[in-house]
Amino acid sequence: MSTEYLVTIYDLPNADRSKVRAQHVKDIPANVPNPVRSAGAIYTDESKTKFAGSSFHLVADNKQEIIDFLKKDIYYKEGVWDINHVDIFPIGIAVRLPKKMDGVDESNYKI
């Protein structure tokens, strides 16, 4: 049975997302709603000027499936994400508010 996880993966020190960010964002819709239920950047500062990593709600059967998913991303392939610095916790969502992203097909979305 699949479980929803809170996943935070941190960037490597001095990683530059800008070179591959467009490809990363372009690839998100194909993974919604499975395994991605929500995703976004995390920052080191409140003004959101320096990236710290990325955070997700992912649906998976186990933690290894999550690692395998992360390794397919351009951020991992191009040395942005630190695959050895990932937090993965099972979560139970009490409420979920919608936020739309262009290109995301919600027709198959079931909670």
N, C-alpha and C. Protein backbone atom coordinates (compact mmCIF):
# COMPACT_ATOMS: atom_id res chain seq x y z
N MET A 1 0.84 -1.19 0.00
CA MET A 1 0.00 0.00 0.00
C MET A 1 0.88 1.25 0.00
N SER A 2 0.56 2.20 -0.83
CA SER A 2 1.35 3.42 -0.92
C SER A 2 1.11 4.32 0.28
N THR A 3 2.14 5.06 0.61
CA THR A 3 2.13 6.01 1.72
C THR A 3 2.56 7.37 1.19
N GLU A 4 2.05 8.42 1.78
CA GLU A 4 2.51 9.76 1.43
C GLU A 4 3.63 10.14 2.38
N TYR A 5 4.68 10.70 1.80
CA TYR A 5 5.88 11.07 2.55
C TYR A 5 6.17 12.56 2.40
N LEU A 6 6.71 13.13 3.46
CA LEU A 6 7.31 14.47 3.41
C LEU A 6 8.79 14.24 3.12
N VAL A 7 9.26 14.81 2.02
CA VAL A 7 10.63 14.60 1.58
C VAL A 7 11.31 15.96 1.44
N THR A 8 12.46 16.09 2.06
CA THR A 8 13.28 17.29 1.90
C THR A 8 14.66 16.84 1.46
N ILE A 9 15.08 17.35 0.32
CA ILE A 9 16.42 17.06 -0.19
C ILE A 9 17.17 18.39 -0.29
N TYR A 10 18.37 18.40 0.22
CA TYR A 10 19.14 19.63 0.30
C TYR A 10 20.09 19.75 -0.88
N ASP A 11 20.38 20.99 -1.25
CA ASP A 11 21.33 21.26 -2.31
C ASP A 11 22.75 21.08 -1.80
N LEU A 12 23.63 20.69 -2.71
CA LEU A 12 25.05 20.65 -2.39
C LEU A 12 25.55 22.08 -2.19
N PRO A 13 26.57 22.28 -1.36
CA PRO A 13 27.10 23.65 -1.16
C PRO A 13 27.50 24.27 -2.50
N ASN A 14 27.14 25.50 -2.67
CA ASN A 14 27.47 26.29 -3.87
C ASN A 14 26.88 25.74 -5.16
N ALA A 15 25.85 24.91 -5.06
CA ALA A 15 25.19 24.40 -6.27
C ALA A 15 24.47 25.53 -6.99
N ASP A 16 24.48 25.49 -8.31
CA ASP A 16 23.82 26.51 -9.13
C ASP A 16 22.66 25.88 -9.88
N ARG A 17 21.45 26.13 -9.41
CA ARG A 17 20.24 25.59 -10.04
C ARG A 17 19.91 26.26 -11.36
N SER A 18 20.37 27.47 -11.55
CA SER A 18 19.91 28.29 -12.67
C SER A 18 20.12 27.63 -14.03
N LYS A 19 21.18 26.86 -14.19
CA LYS A 19 21.49 26.26 -15.48
C LYS A 19 20.46 25.21 -15.91
N VAL A 20 19.82 24.54 -14.96
CA VAL A 20 18.91 23.45 -15.30
C VAL A 20 17.51 23.64 -14.70
N ARG A 21 17.25 24.79 -14.09
CA ARG A 21 15.96 25.01 -13.43
C ARG A 21 14.79 24.90 -14.40
N ALA A 22 14.92 25.45 -15.60
CA ALA A 22 13.82 25.41 -16.56
C ALA A 22 13.44 23.97 -16.88
N GLN A 23 14.43 23.09 -17.06
CA GLN A 23 14.14 21.68 -17.34
C GLN A 23 13.49 21.02 -16.13
N HIS A 24 13.97 21.33 -14.94
CA HIS A 24 13.40 20.77 -13.72
C HIS A 24 11.91 21.13 -13.61
N VAL A 25 11.58 22.39 -13.80
CA VAL A 25 10.19 22.85 -13.69
C VAL A 25 9.34 22.23 -14.81
N LYS A 26 9.90 22.14 -16.00
CA LYS A 26 9.18 21.54 -17.13
C LYS A 26 8.80 20.09 -16.86
N ASP A 27 9.63 19.37 -16.12
CA ASP A 27 9.40 17.95 -15.86
C ASP A 27 8.38 17.68 -14.74
N ILE A 28 8.04 18.68 -13.95
CA ILE A 28 7.14 18.46 -12.80
C ILE A 28 5.76 17.96 -13.21
N PRO A 29 5.06 18.60 -14.15
CA PRO A 29 3.68 18.18 -14.45
C PRO A 29 3.52 16.70 -14.79
N ALA A 30 4.50 16.10 -15.43
CA ALA A 30 4.40 14.68 -15.81
C ALA A 30 4.37 13.76 -14.59
N ASN A 31 4.79 14.27 -13.43
CA ASN A 31 4.86 13.46 -12.22
C ASN A 31 3.76 13.78 -11.21
N VAL A 32 2.79 14.59 -11.62
CA VAL A 32 1.67 14.95 -10.75
C VAL A 32 0.43 14.23 -11.26
N PRO A 33 -0.33 13.53 -10.48
CA PRO A 33 -0.26 13.43 -9.02
C PRO A 33 0.58 12.27 -8.51
N ASN A 34 1.14 11.47 -9.38
CA ASN A 34 1.91 10.32 -8.91
C ASN A 34 3.32 10.35 -9.46
N PRO A 35 4.32 10.45 -8.63
CA PRO A 35 4.25 10.41 -7.18
C PRO A 35 4.11 11.76 -6.49
N VAL A 36 4.19 12.87 -7.24
CA VAL A 36 4.24 14.19 -6.61
C VAL A 36 2.84 14.69 -6.25
N ARG A 37 2.61 14.96 -4.99
CA ARG A 37 1.37 15.59 -4.53
C ARG A 37 1.58 17.07 -4.30
N SER A 38 2.77 17.46 -3.90
CA SER A 38 3.14 18.88 -3.83
C SER A 38 4.66 18.95 -3.89
N ALA A 39 5.17 20.08 -4.36
CA ALA A 39 6.61 20.24 -4.50
C ALA A 39 6.96 21.72 -4.52
N GLY A 40 8.16 22.04 -4.06
CA GLY A 40 8.62 23.41 -4.12
C GLY A 40 10.01 23.57 -3.53
N ALA A 41 10.58 24.72 -3.77
CA ALA A 41 11.91 25.03 -3.26
C ALA A 41 11.85 25.41 -1.79
N ILE A 42 12.96 25.17 -1.10
CA ILE A 42 13.14 25.72 0.24
C ILE A 42 14.33 26.67 0.17
N TYR A 43 14.32 27.66 1.04
CA TYR A 43 15.31 28.74 0.99
C TYR A 43 16.01 28.88 2.33
N THR A 44 17.16 29.53 2.29
CA THR A 44 17.89 29.79 3.53
C THR A 44 17.46 31.09 4.18
N ASP A 45 16.73 31.92 3.45
CA ASP A 45 16.34 33.23 3.96
C ASP A 45 14.88 33.54 3.63
N GLU A 46 14.27 34.37 4.42
CA GLU A 46 12.85 34.70 4.24
C GLU A 46 12.58 35.50 2.98
N SER A 47 13.57 36.17 2.44
CA SER A 47 13.36 36.92 1.20
C SER A 47 13.50 36.03 -0.03
N LYS A 48 13.78 34.76 0.19
CA LYS A 48 13.85 33.74 -0.87
C LYS A 48 14.87 34.09 -1.95
N THR A 49 16.07 34.42 -1.51
CA THR A 49 17.13 34.76 -2.47
C THR A 49 18.16 33.65 -2.64
N LYS A 50 18.22 32.70 -1.69
CA LYS A 50 19.21 31.63 -1.77
C LYS A 50 18.54 30.29 -1.49
N PHE A 51 18.67 29.37 -2.45
CA PHE A 51 18.06 28.05 -2.32
C PHE A 51 18.80 27.20 -1.29
N ALA A 52 18.03 26.41 -0.54
CA ALA A 52 18.59 25.44 0.40
C ALA A 52 18.36 24.02 -0.11
N GLY A 53 17.30 23.84 -0.91
CA GLY A 53 16.95 22.51 -1.41
C GLY A 53 15.53 22.50 -1.92
N SER A 54 14.91 21.32 -1.84
CA SER A 54 13.54 21.15 -2.32
C SER A 54 12.76 20.30 -1.33
N SER A 55 11.44 20.54 -1.29
CA SER A 55 10.57 19.77 -0.42
C SER A 55 9.40 19.23 -1.24
N PHE A 56 8.99 18.02 -0.92
CA PHE A 56 7.92 17.34 -1.63
C PHE A 56 6.96 16.66 -0.67
N HIS A 57 5.77 16.42 -1.14
CA HIS A 57 4.90 15.37 -0.63
C HIS A 57 4.85 14.37 -1.77
N LEU A 58 5.36 13.16 -1.51
CA LEU A 58 5.42 12.12 -2.53
C LEU A 58 4.68 10.88 -2.07
N VAL A 59 4.01 10.21 -3.00
CA VAL A 59 3.36 8.94 -2.72
C VAL A 59 4.28 7.83 -3.23
N ALA A 60 4.57 6.87 -2.35
CA ALA A 60 5.47 5.78 -2.72
C ALA A 60 5.17 4.56 -1.86
N ASP A 61 5.69 3.43 -2.29
CA ASP A 61 5.54 2.19 -1.51
C ASP A 61 6.60 2.07 -0.43
N ASN A 62 7.75 2.76 -0.64
CA ASN A 62 8.83 2.68 0.35
C ASN A 62 9.84 3.81 0.09
N LYS A 63 10.78 3.96 0.99
CA LYS A 63 11.76 5.05 0.89
C LYS A 63 12.70 4.87 -0.30
N GLN A 64 13.04 3.64 -0.64
CA GLN A 64 13.92 3.42 -1.79
C GLN A 64 13.28 3.91 -3.08
N GLU A 65 11.98 3.75 -3.20
CA GLU A 65 11.26 4.24 -4.37
C GLU A 65 11.40 5.76 -4.48
N ILE A 66 11.42 6.45 -3.35
CA ILE A 66 11.60 7.90 -3.34
C ILE A 66 13.01 8.27 -3.80
N ILE A 67 14.01 7.58 -3.28
CA ILE A 67 15.39 7.84 -3.70
C ILE A 67 15.53 7.62 -5.21
N ASP A 68 14.94 6.55 -5.71
CA ASP A 68 15.00 6.26 -7.14
C ASP A 68 14.35 7.38 -7.96
N PHE A 69 13.22 7.90 -7.46
CA PHE A 69 12.55 9.01 -8.13
C PHE A 69 13.44 10.26 -8.15
N LEU A 70 14.03 10.59 -7.02
CA LEU A 70 14.89 11.77 -6.93
C LEU A 70 16.09 11.67 -7.87
N LYS A 71 16.63 10.48 -8.03
CA LYS A 71 17.80 10.29 -8.89
C LYS A 71 17.48 10.47 -10.37
N LYS A 72 16.22 10.47 -10.74
CA LYS A 72 15.83 10.71 -12.13
C LYS A 72 15.76 12.20 -12.47
N ASP A 73 15.76 13.05 -11.46
CA ASP A 73 15.59 14.49 -11.65
C ASP A 73 16.88 15.14 -12.15
N ILE A 74 16.73 16.14 -12.99
CA ILE A 74 17.88 16.89 -13.53
C ILE A 74 18.71 17.53 -12.42
N TYR A 75 18.08 17.91 -11.32
CA TYR A 75 18.85 18.50 -10.21
C TYR A 75 19.83 17.49 -9.63
N TYR A 76 19.43 16.24 -9.52
CA TYR A 76 20.37 15.22 -9.05
C TYR A 76 21.43 14.95 -10.12
N LYS A 77 20.99 14.74 -11.35
CA LYS A 77 21.90 14.38 -12.43
C LYS A 77 22.97 15.44 -12.68
N GLU A 78 22.61 16.71 -12.44
CA GLU A 78 23.55 17.80 -12.71
C GLU A 78 24.25 18.32 -11.45
N GLY A 79 24.17 17.56 -10.36
CA GLY A 79 24.94 17.90 -9.17
C GLY A 79 24.40 19.03 -8.33
N VAL A 80 23.09 19.24 -8.35
CA VAL A 80 22.48 20.26 -7.49
C VAL A 80 22.07 19.64 -6.16
N TRP A 81 21.34 18.53 -6.21
CA TRP A 81 20.86 17.89 -4.99
C TRP A 81 21.91 16.98 -4.38
N ASP A 82 21.94 16.95 -3.06
CA ASP A 82 22.81 16.06 -2.29
C ASP A 82 21.99 14.83 -1.89
N ILE A 83 22.10 13.75 -2.65
CA ILE A 83 21.30 12.55 -2.42
C ILE A 83 21.63 11.91 -1.07
N ASN A 84 22.74 12.28 -0.48
CA ASN A 84 23.12 11.77 0.84
C ASN A 84 22.58 12.64 1.97
N HIS A 85 21.83 13.67 1.62
CA HIS A 85 21.27 14.60 2.61
C HIS A 85 19.77 14.77 2.33
N VAL A 86 19.02 13.70 2.59
CA VAL A 86 17.58 13.66 2.32
C VAL A 86 16.85 13.25 3.60
N ASP A 87 15.80 13.99 3.94
CA ASP A 87 14.90 13.60 5.04
C ASP A 87 13.63 13.04 4.43
N ILE A 88 13.20 11.87 4.88
CA ILE A 88 12.00 11.20 4.37
C ILE A 88 11.17 10.72 5.56
N PHE A 89 9.95 11.27 5.70
CA PHE A 89 9.07 10.90 6.80
C PHE A 89 7.68 10.60 6.28
N PRO A 90 7.04 9.51 6.73
CA PRO A 90 5.64 9.29 6.39
C PRO A 90 4.78 10.37 7.04
N ILE A 91 3.75 10.82 6.33
CA ILE A 91 2.88 11.87 6.88
C ILE A 91 1.41 11.50 6.66
N GLY A 92 0.58 12.14 7.46
CA GLY A 92 -0.87 12.04 7.30
C GLY A 92 -1.39 13.45 7.10
N ILE A 93 -1.92 13.74 5.94
CA ILE A 93 -2.40 15.07 5.61
C ILE A 93 -3.79 15.27 6.20
N ALA A 94 -3.96 16.33 6.99
CA ALA A 94 -5.27 16.64 7.58
C ALA A 94 -6.08 17.56 6.66
N VAL A 95 -5.40 18.41 5.92
CA VAL A 95 -6.08 19.32 5.00
C VAL A 95 -5.12 19.61 3.85
N ARG A 96 -5.70 19.83 2.67
CA ARG A 96 -4.88 20.14 1.50
C ARG A 96 -5.62 21.20 0.69
N LEU A 97 -4.98 22.32 0.49
CA LEU A 97 -5.57 23.38 -0.30
C LEU A 97 -4.97 23.33 -1.71
N PRO A 98 -5.76 23.57 -2.72
CA PRO A 98 -5.25 23.47 -4.10
C PRO A 98 -4.40 24.67 -4.49
N LYS A 99 -3.39 24.39 -5.27
CA LYS A 99 -2.62 25.42 -5.95
C LYS A 99 -2.36 24.87 -7.35
N LYS A 100 -2.72 25.62 -8.35
CA LYS A 100 -2.64 25.15 -9.73
C LYS A 100 -1.27 25.44 -10.33
N MET A 101 -0.83 24.53 -11.21
CA MET A 101 0.39 24.72 -11.98
C MET A 101 0.07 24.44 -13.43
N ASP A 102 0.48 25.31 -14.31
CA ASP A 102 0.26 25.10 -15.73
C ASP A 102 0.82 23.76 -16.16
N GLY A 103 0.06 23.03 -16.95
CA GLY A 103 0.50 21.76 -17.49
C GLY A 103 0.17 20.55 -16.65
N VAL A 104 -0.40 20.76 -15.45
CA VAL A 104 -0.74 19.64 -14.58
C VAL A 104 -2.14 19.16 -14.90
N ASP A 105 -2.26 17.87 -15.18
CA ASP A 105 -3.54 17.25 -15.47
C ASP A 105 -4.09 16.66 -14.18
N GLU A 106 -5.18 17.21 -13.68
CA GLU A 106 -5.74 16.77 -12.40
C GLU A 106 -6.82 15.71 -12.58
N SER A 107 -7.07 15.25 -13.78
CA SER A 107 -8.17 14.32 -14.03
C SER A 107 -7.98 12.98 -13.32
N ASN A 108 -6.75 12.57 -13.05
CA ASN A 108 -6.48 11.29 -12.39
C ASN A 108 -6.19 11.43 -10.90
N TYR A 109 -6.37 12.61 -10.36
CA TYR A 109 -6.00 12.86 -8.97
C TYR A 109 -7.04 12.31 -8.02
N LYS A 110 -6.58 11.45 -7.14
CA LYS A 110 -7.44 10.91 -6.08
C LYS A 110 -6.64 10.89 -4.79
N ILE A 111 -7.27 11.32 -3.73
CA ILE A 111 -6.60 11.31 -2.43
C ILE A 111 -6.94 10.02 -1.71
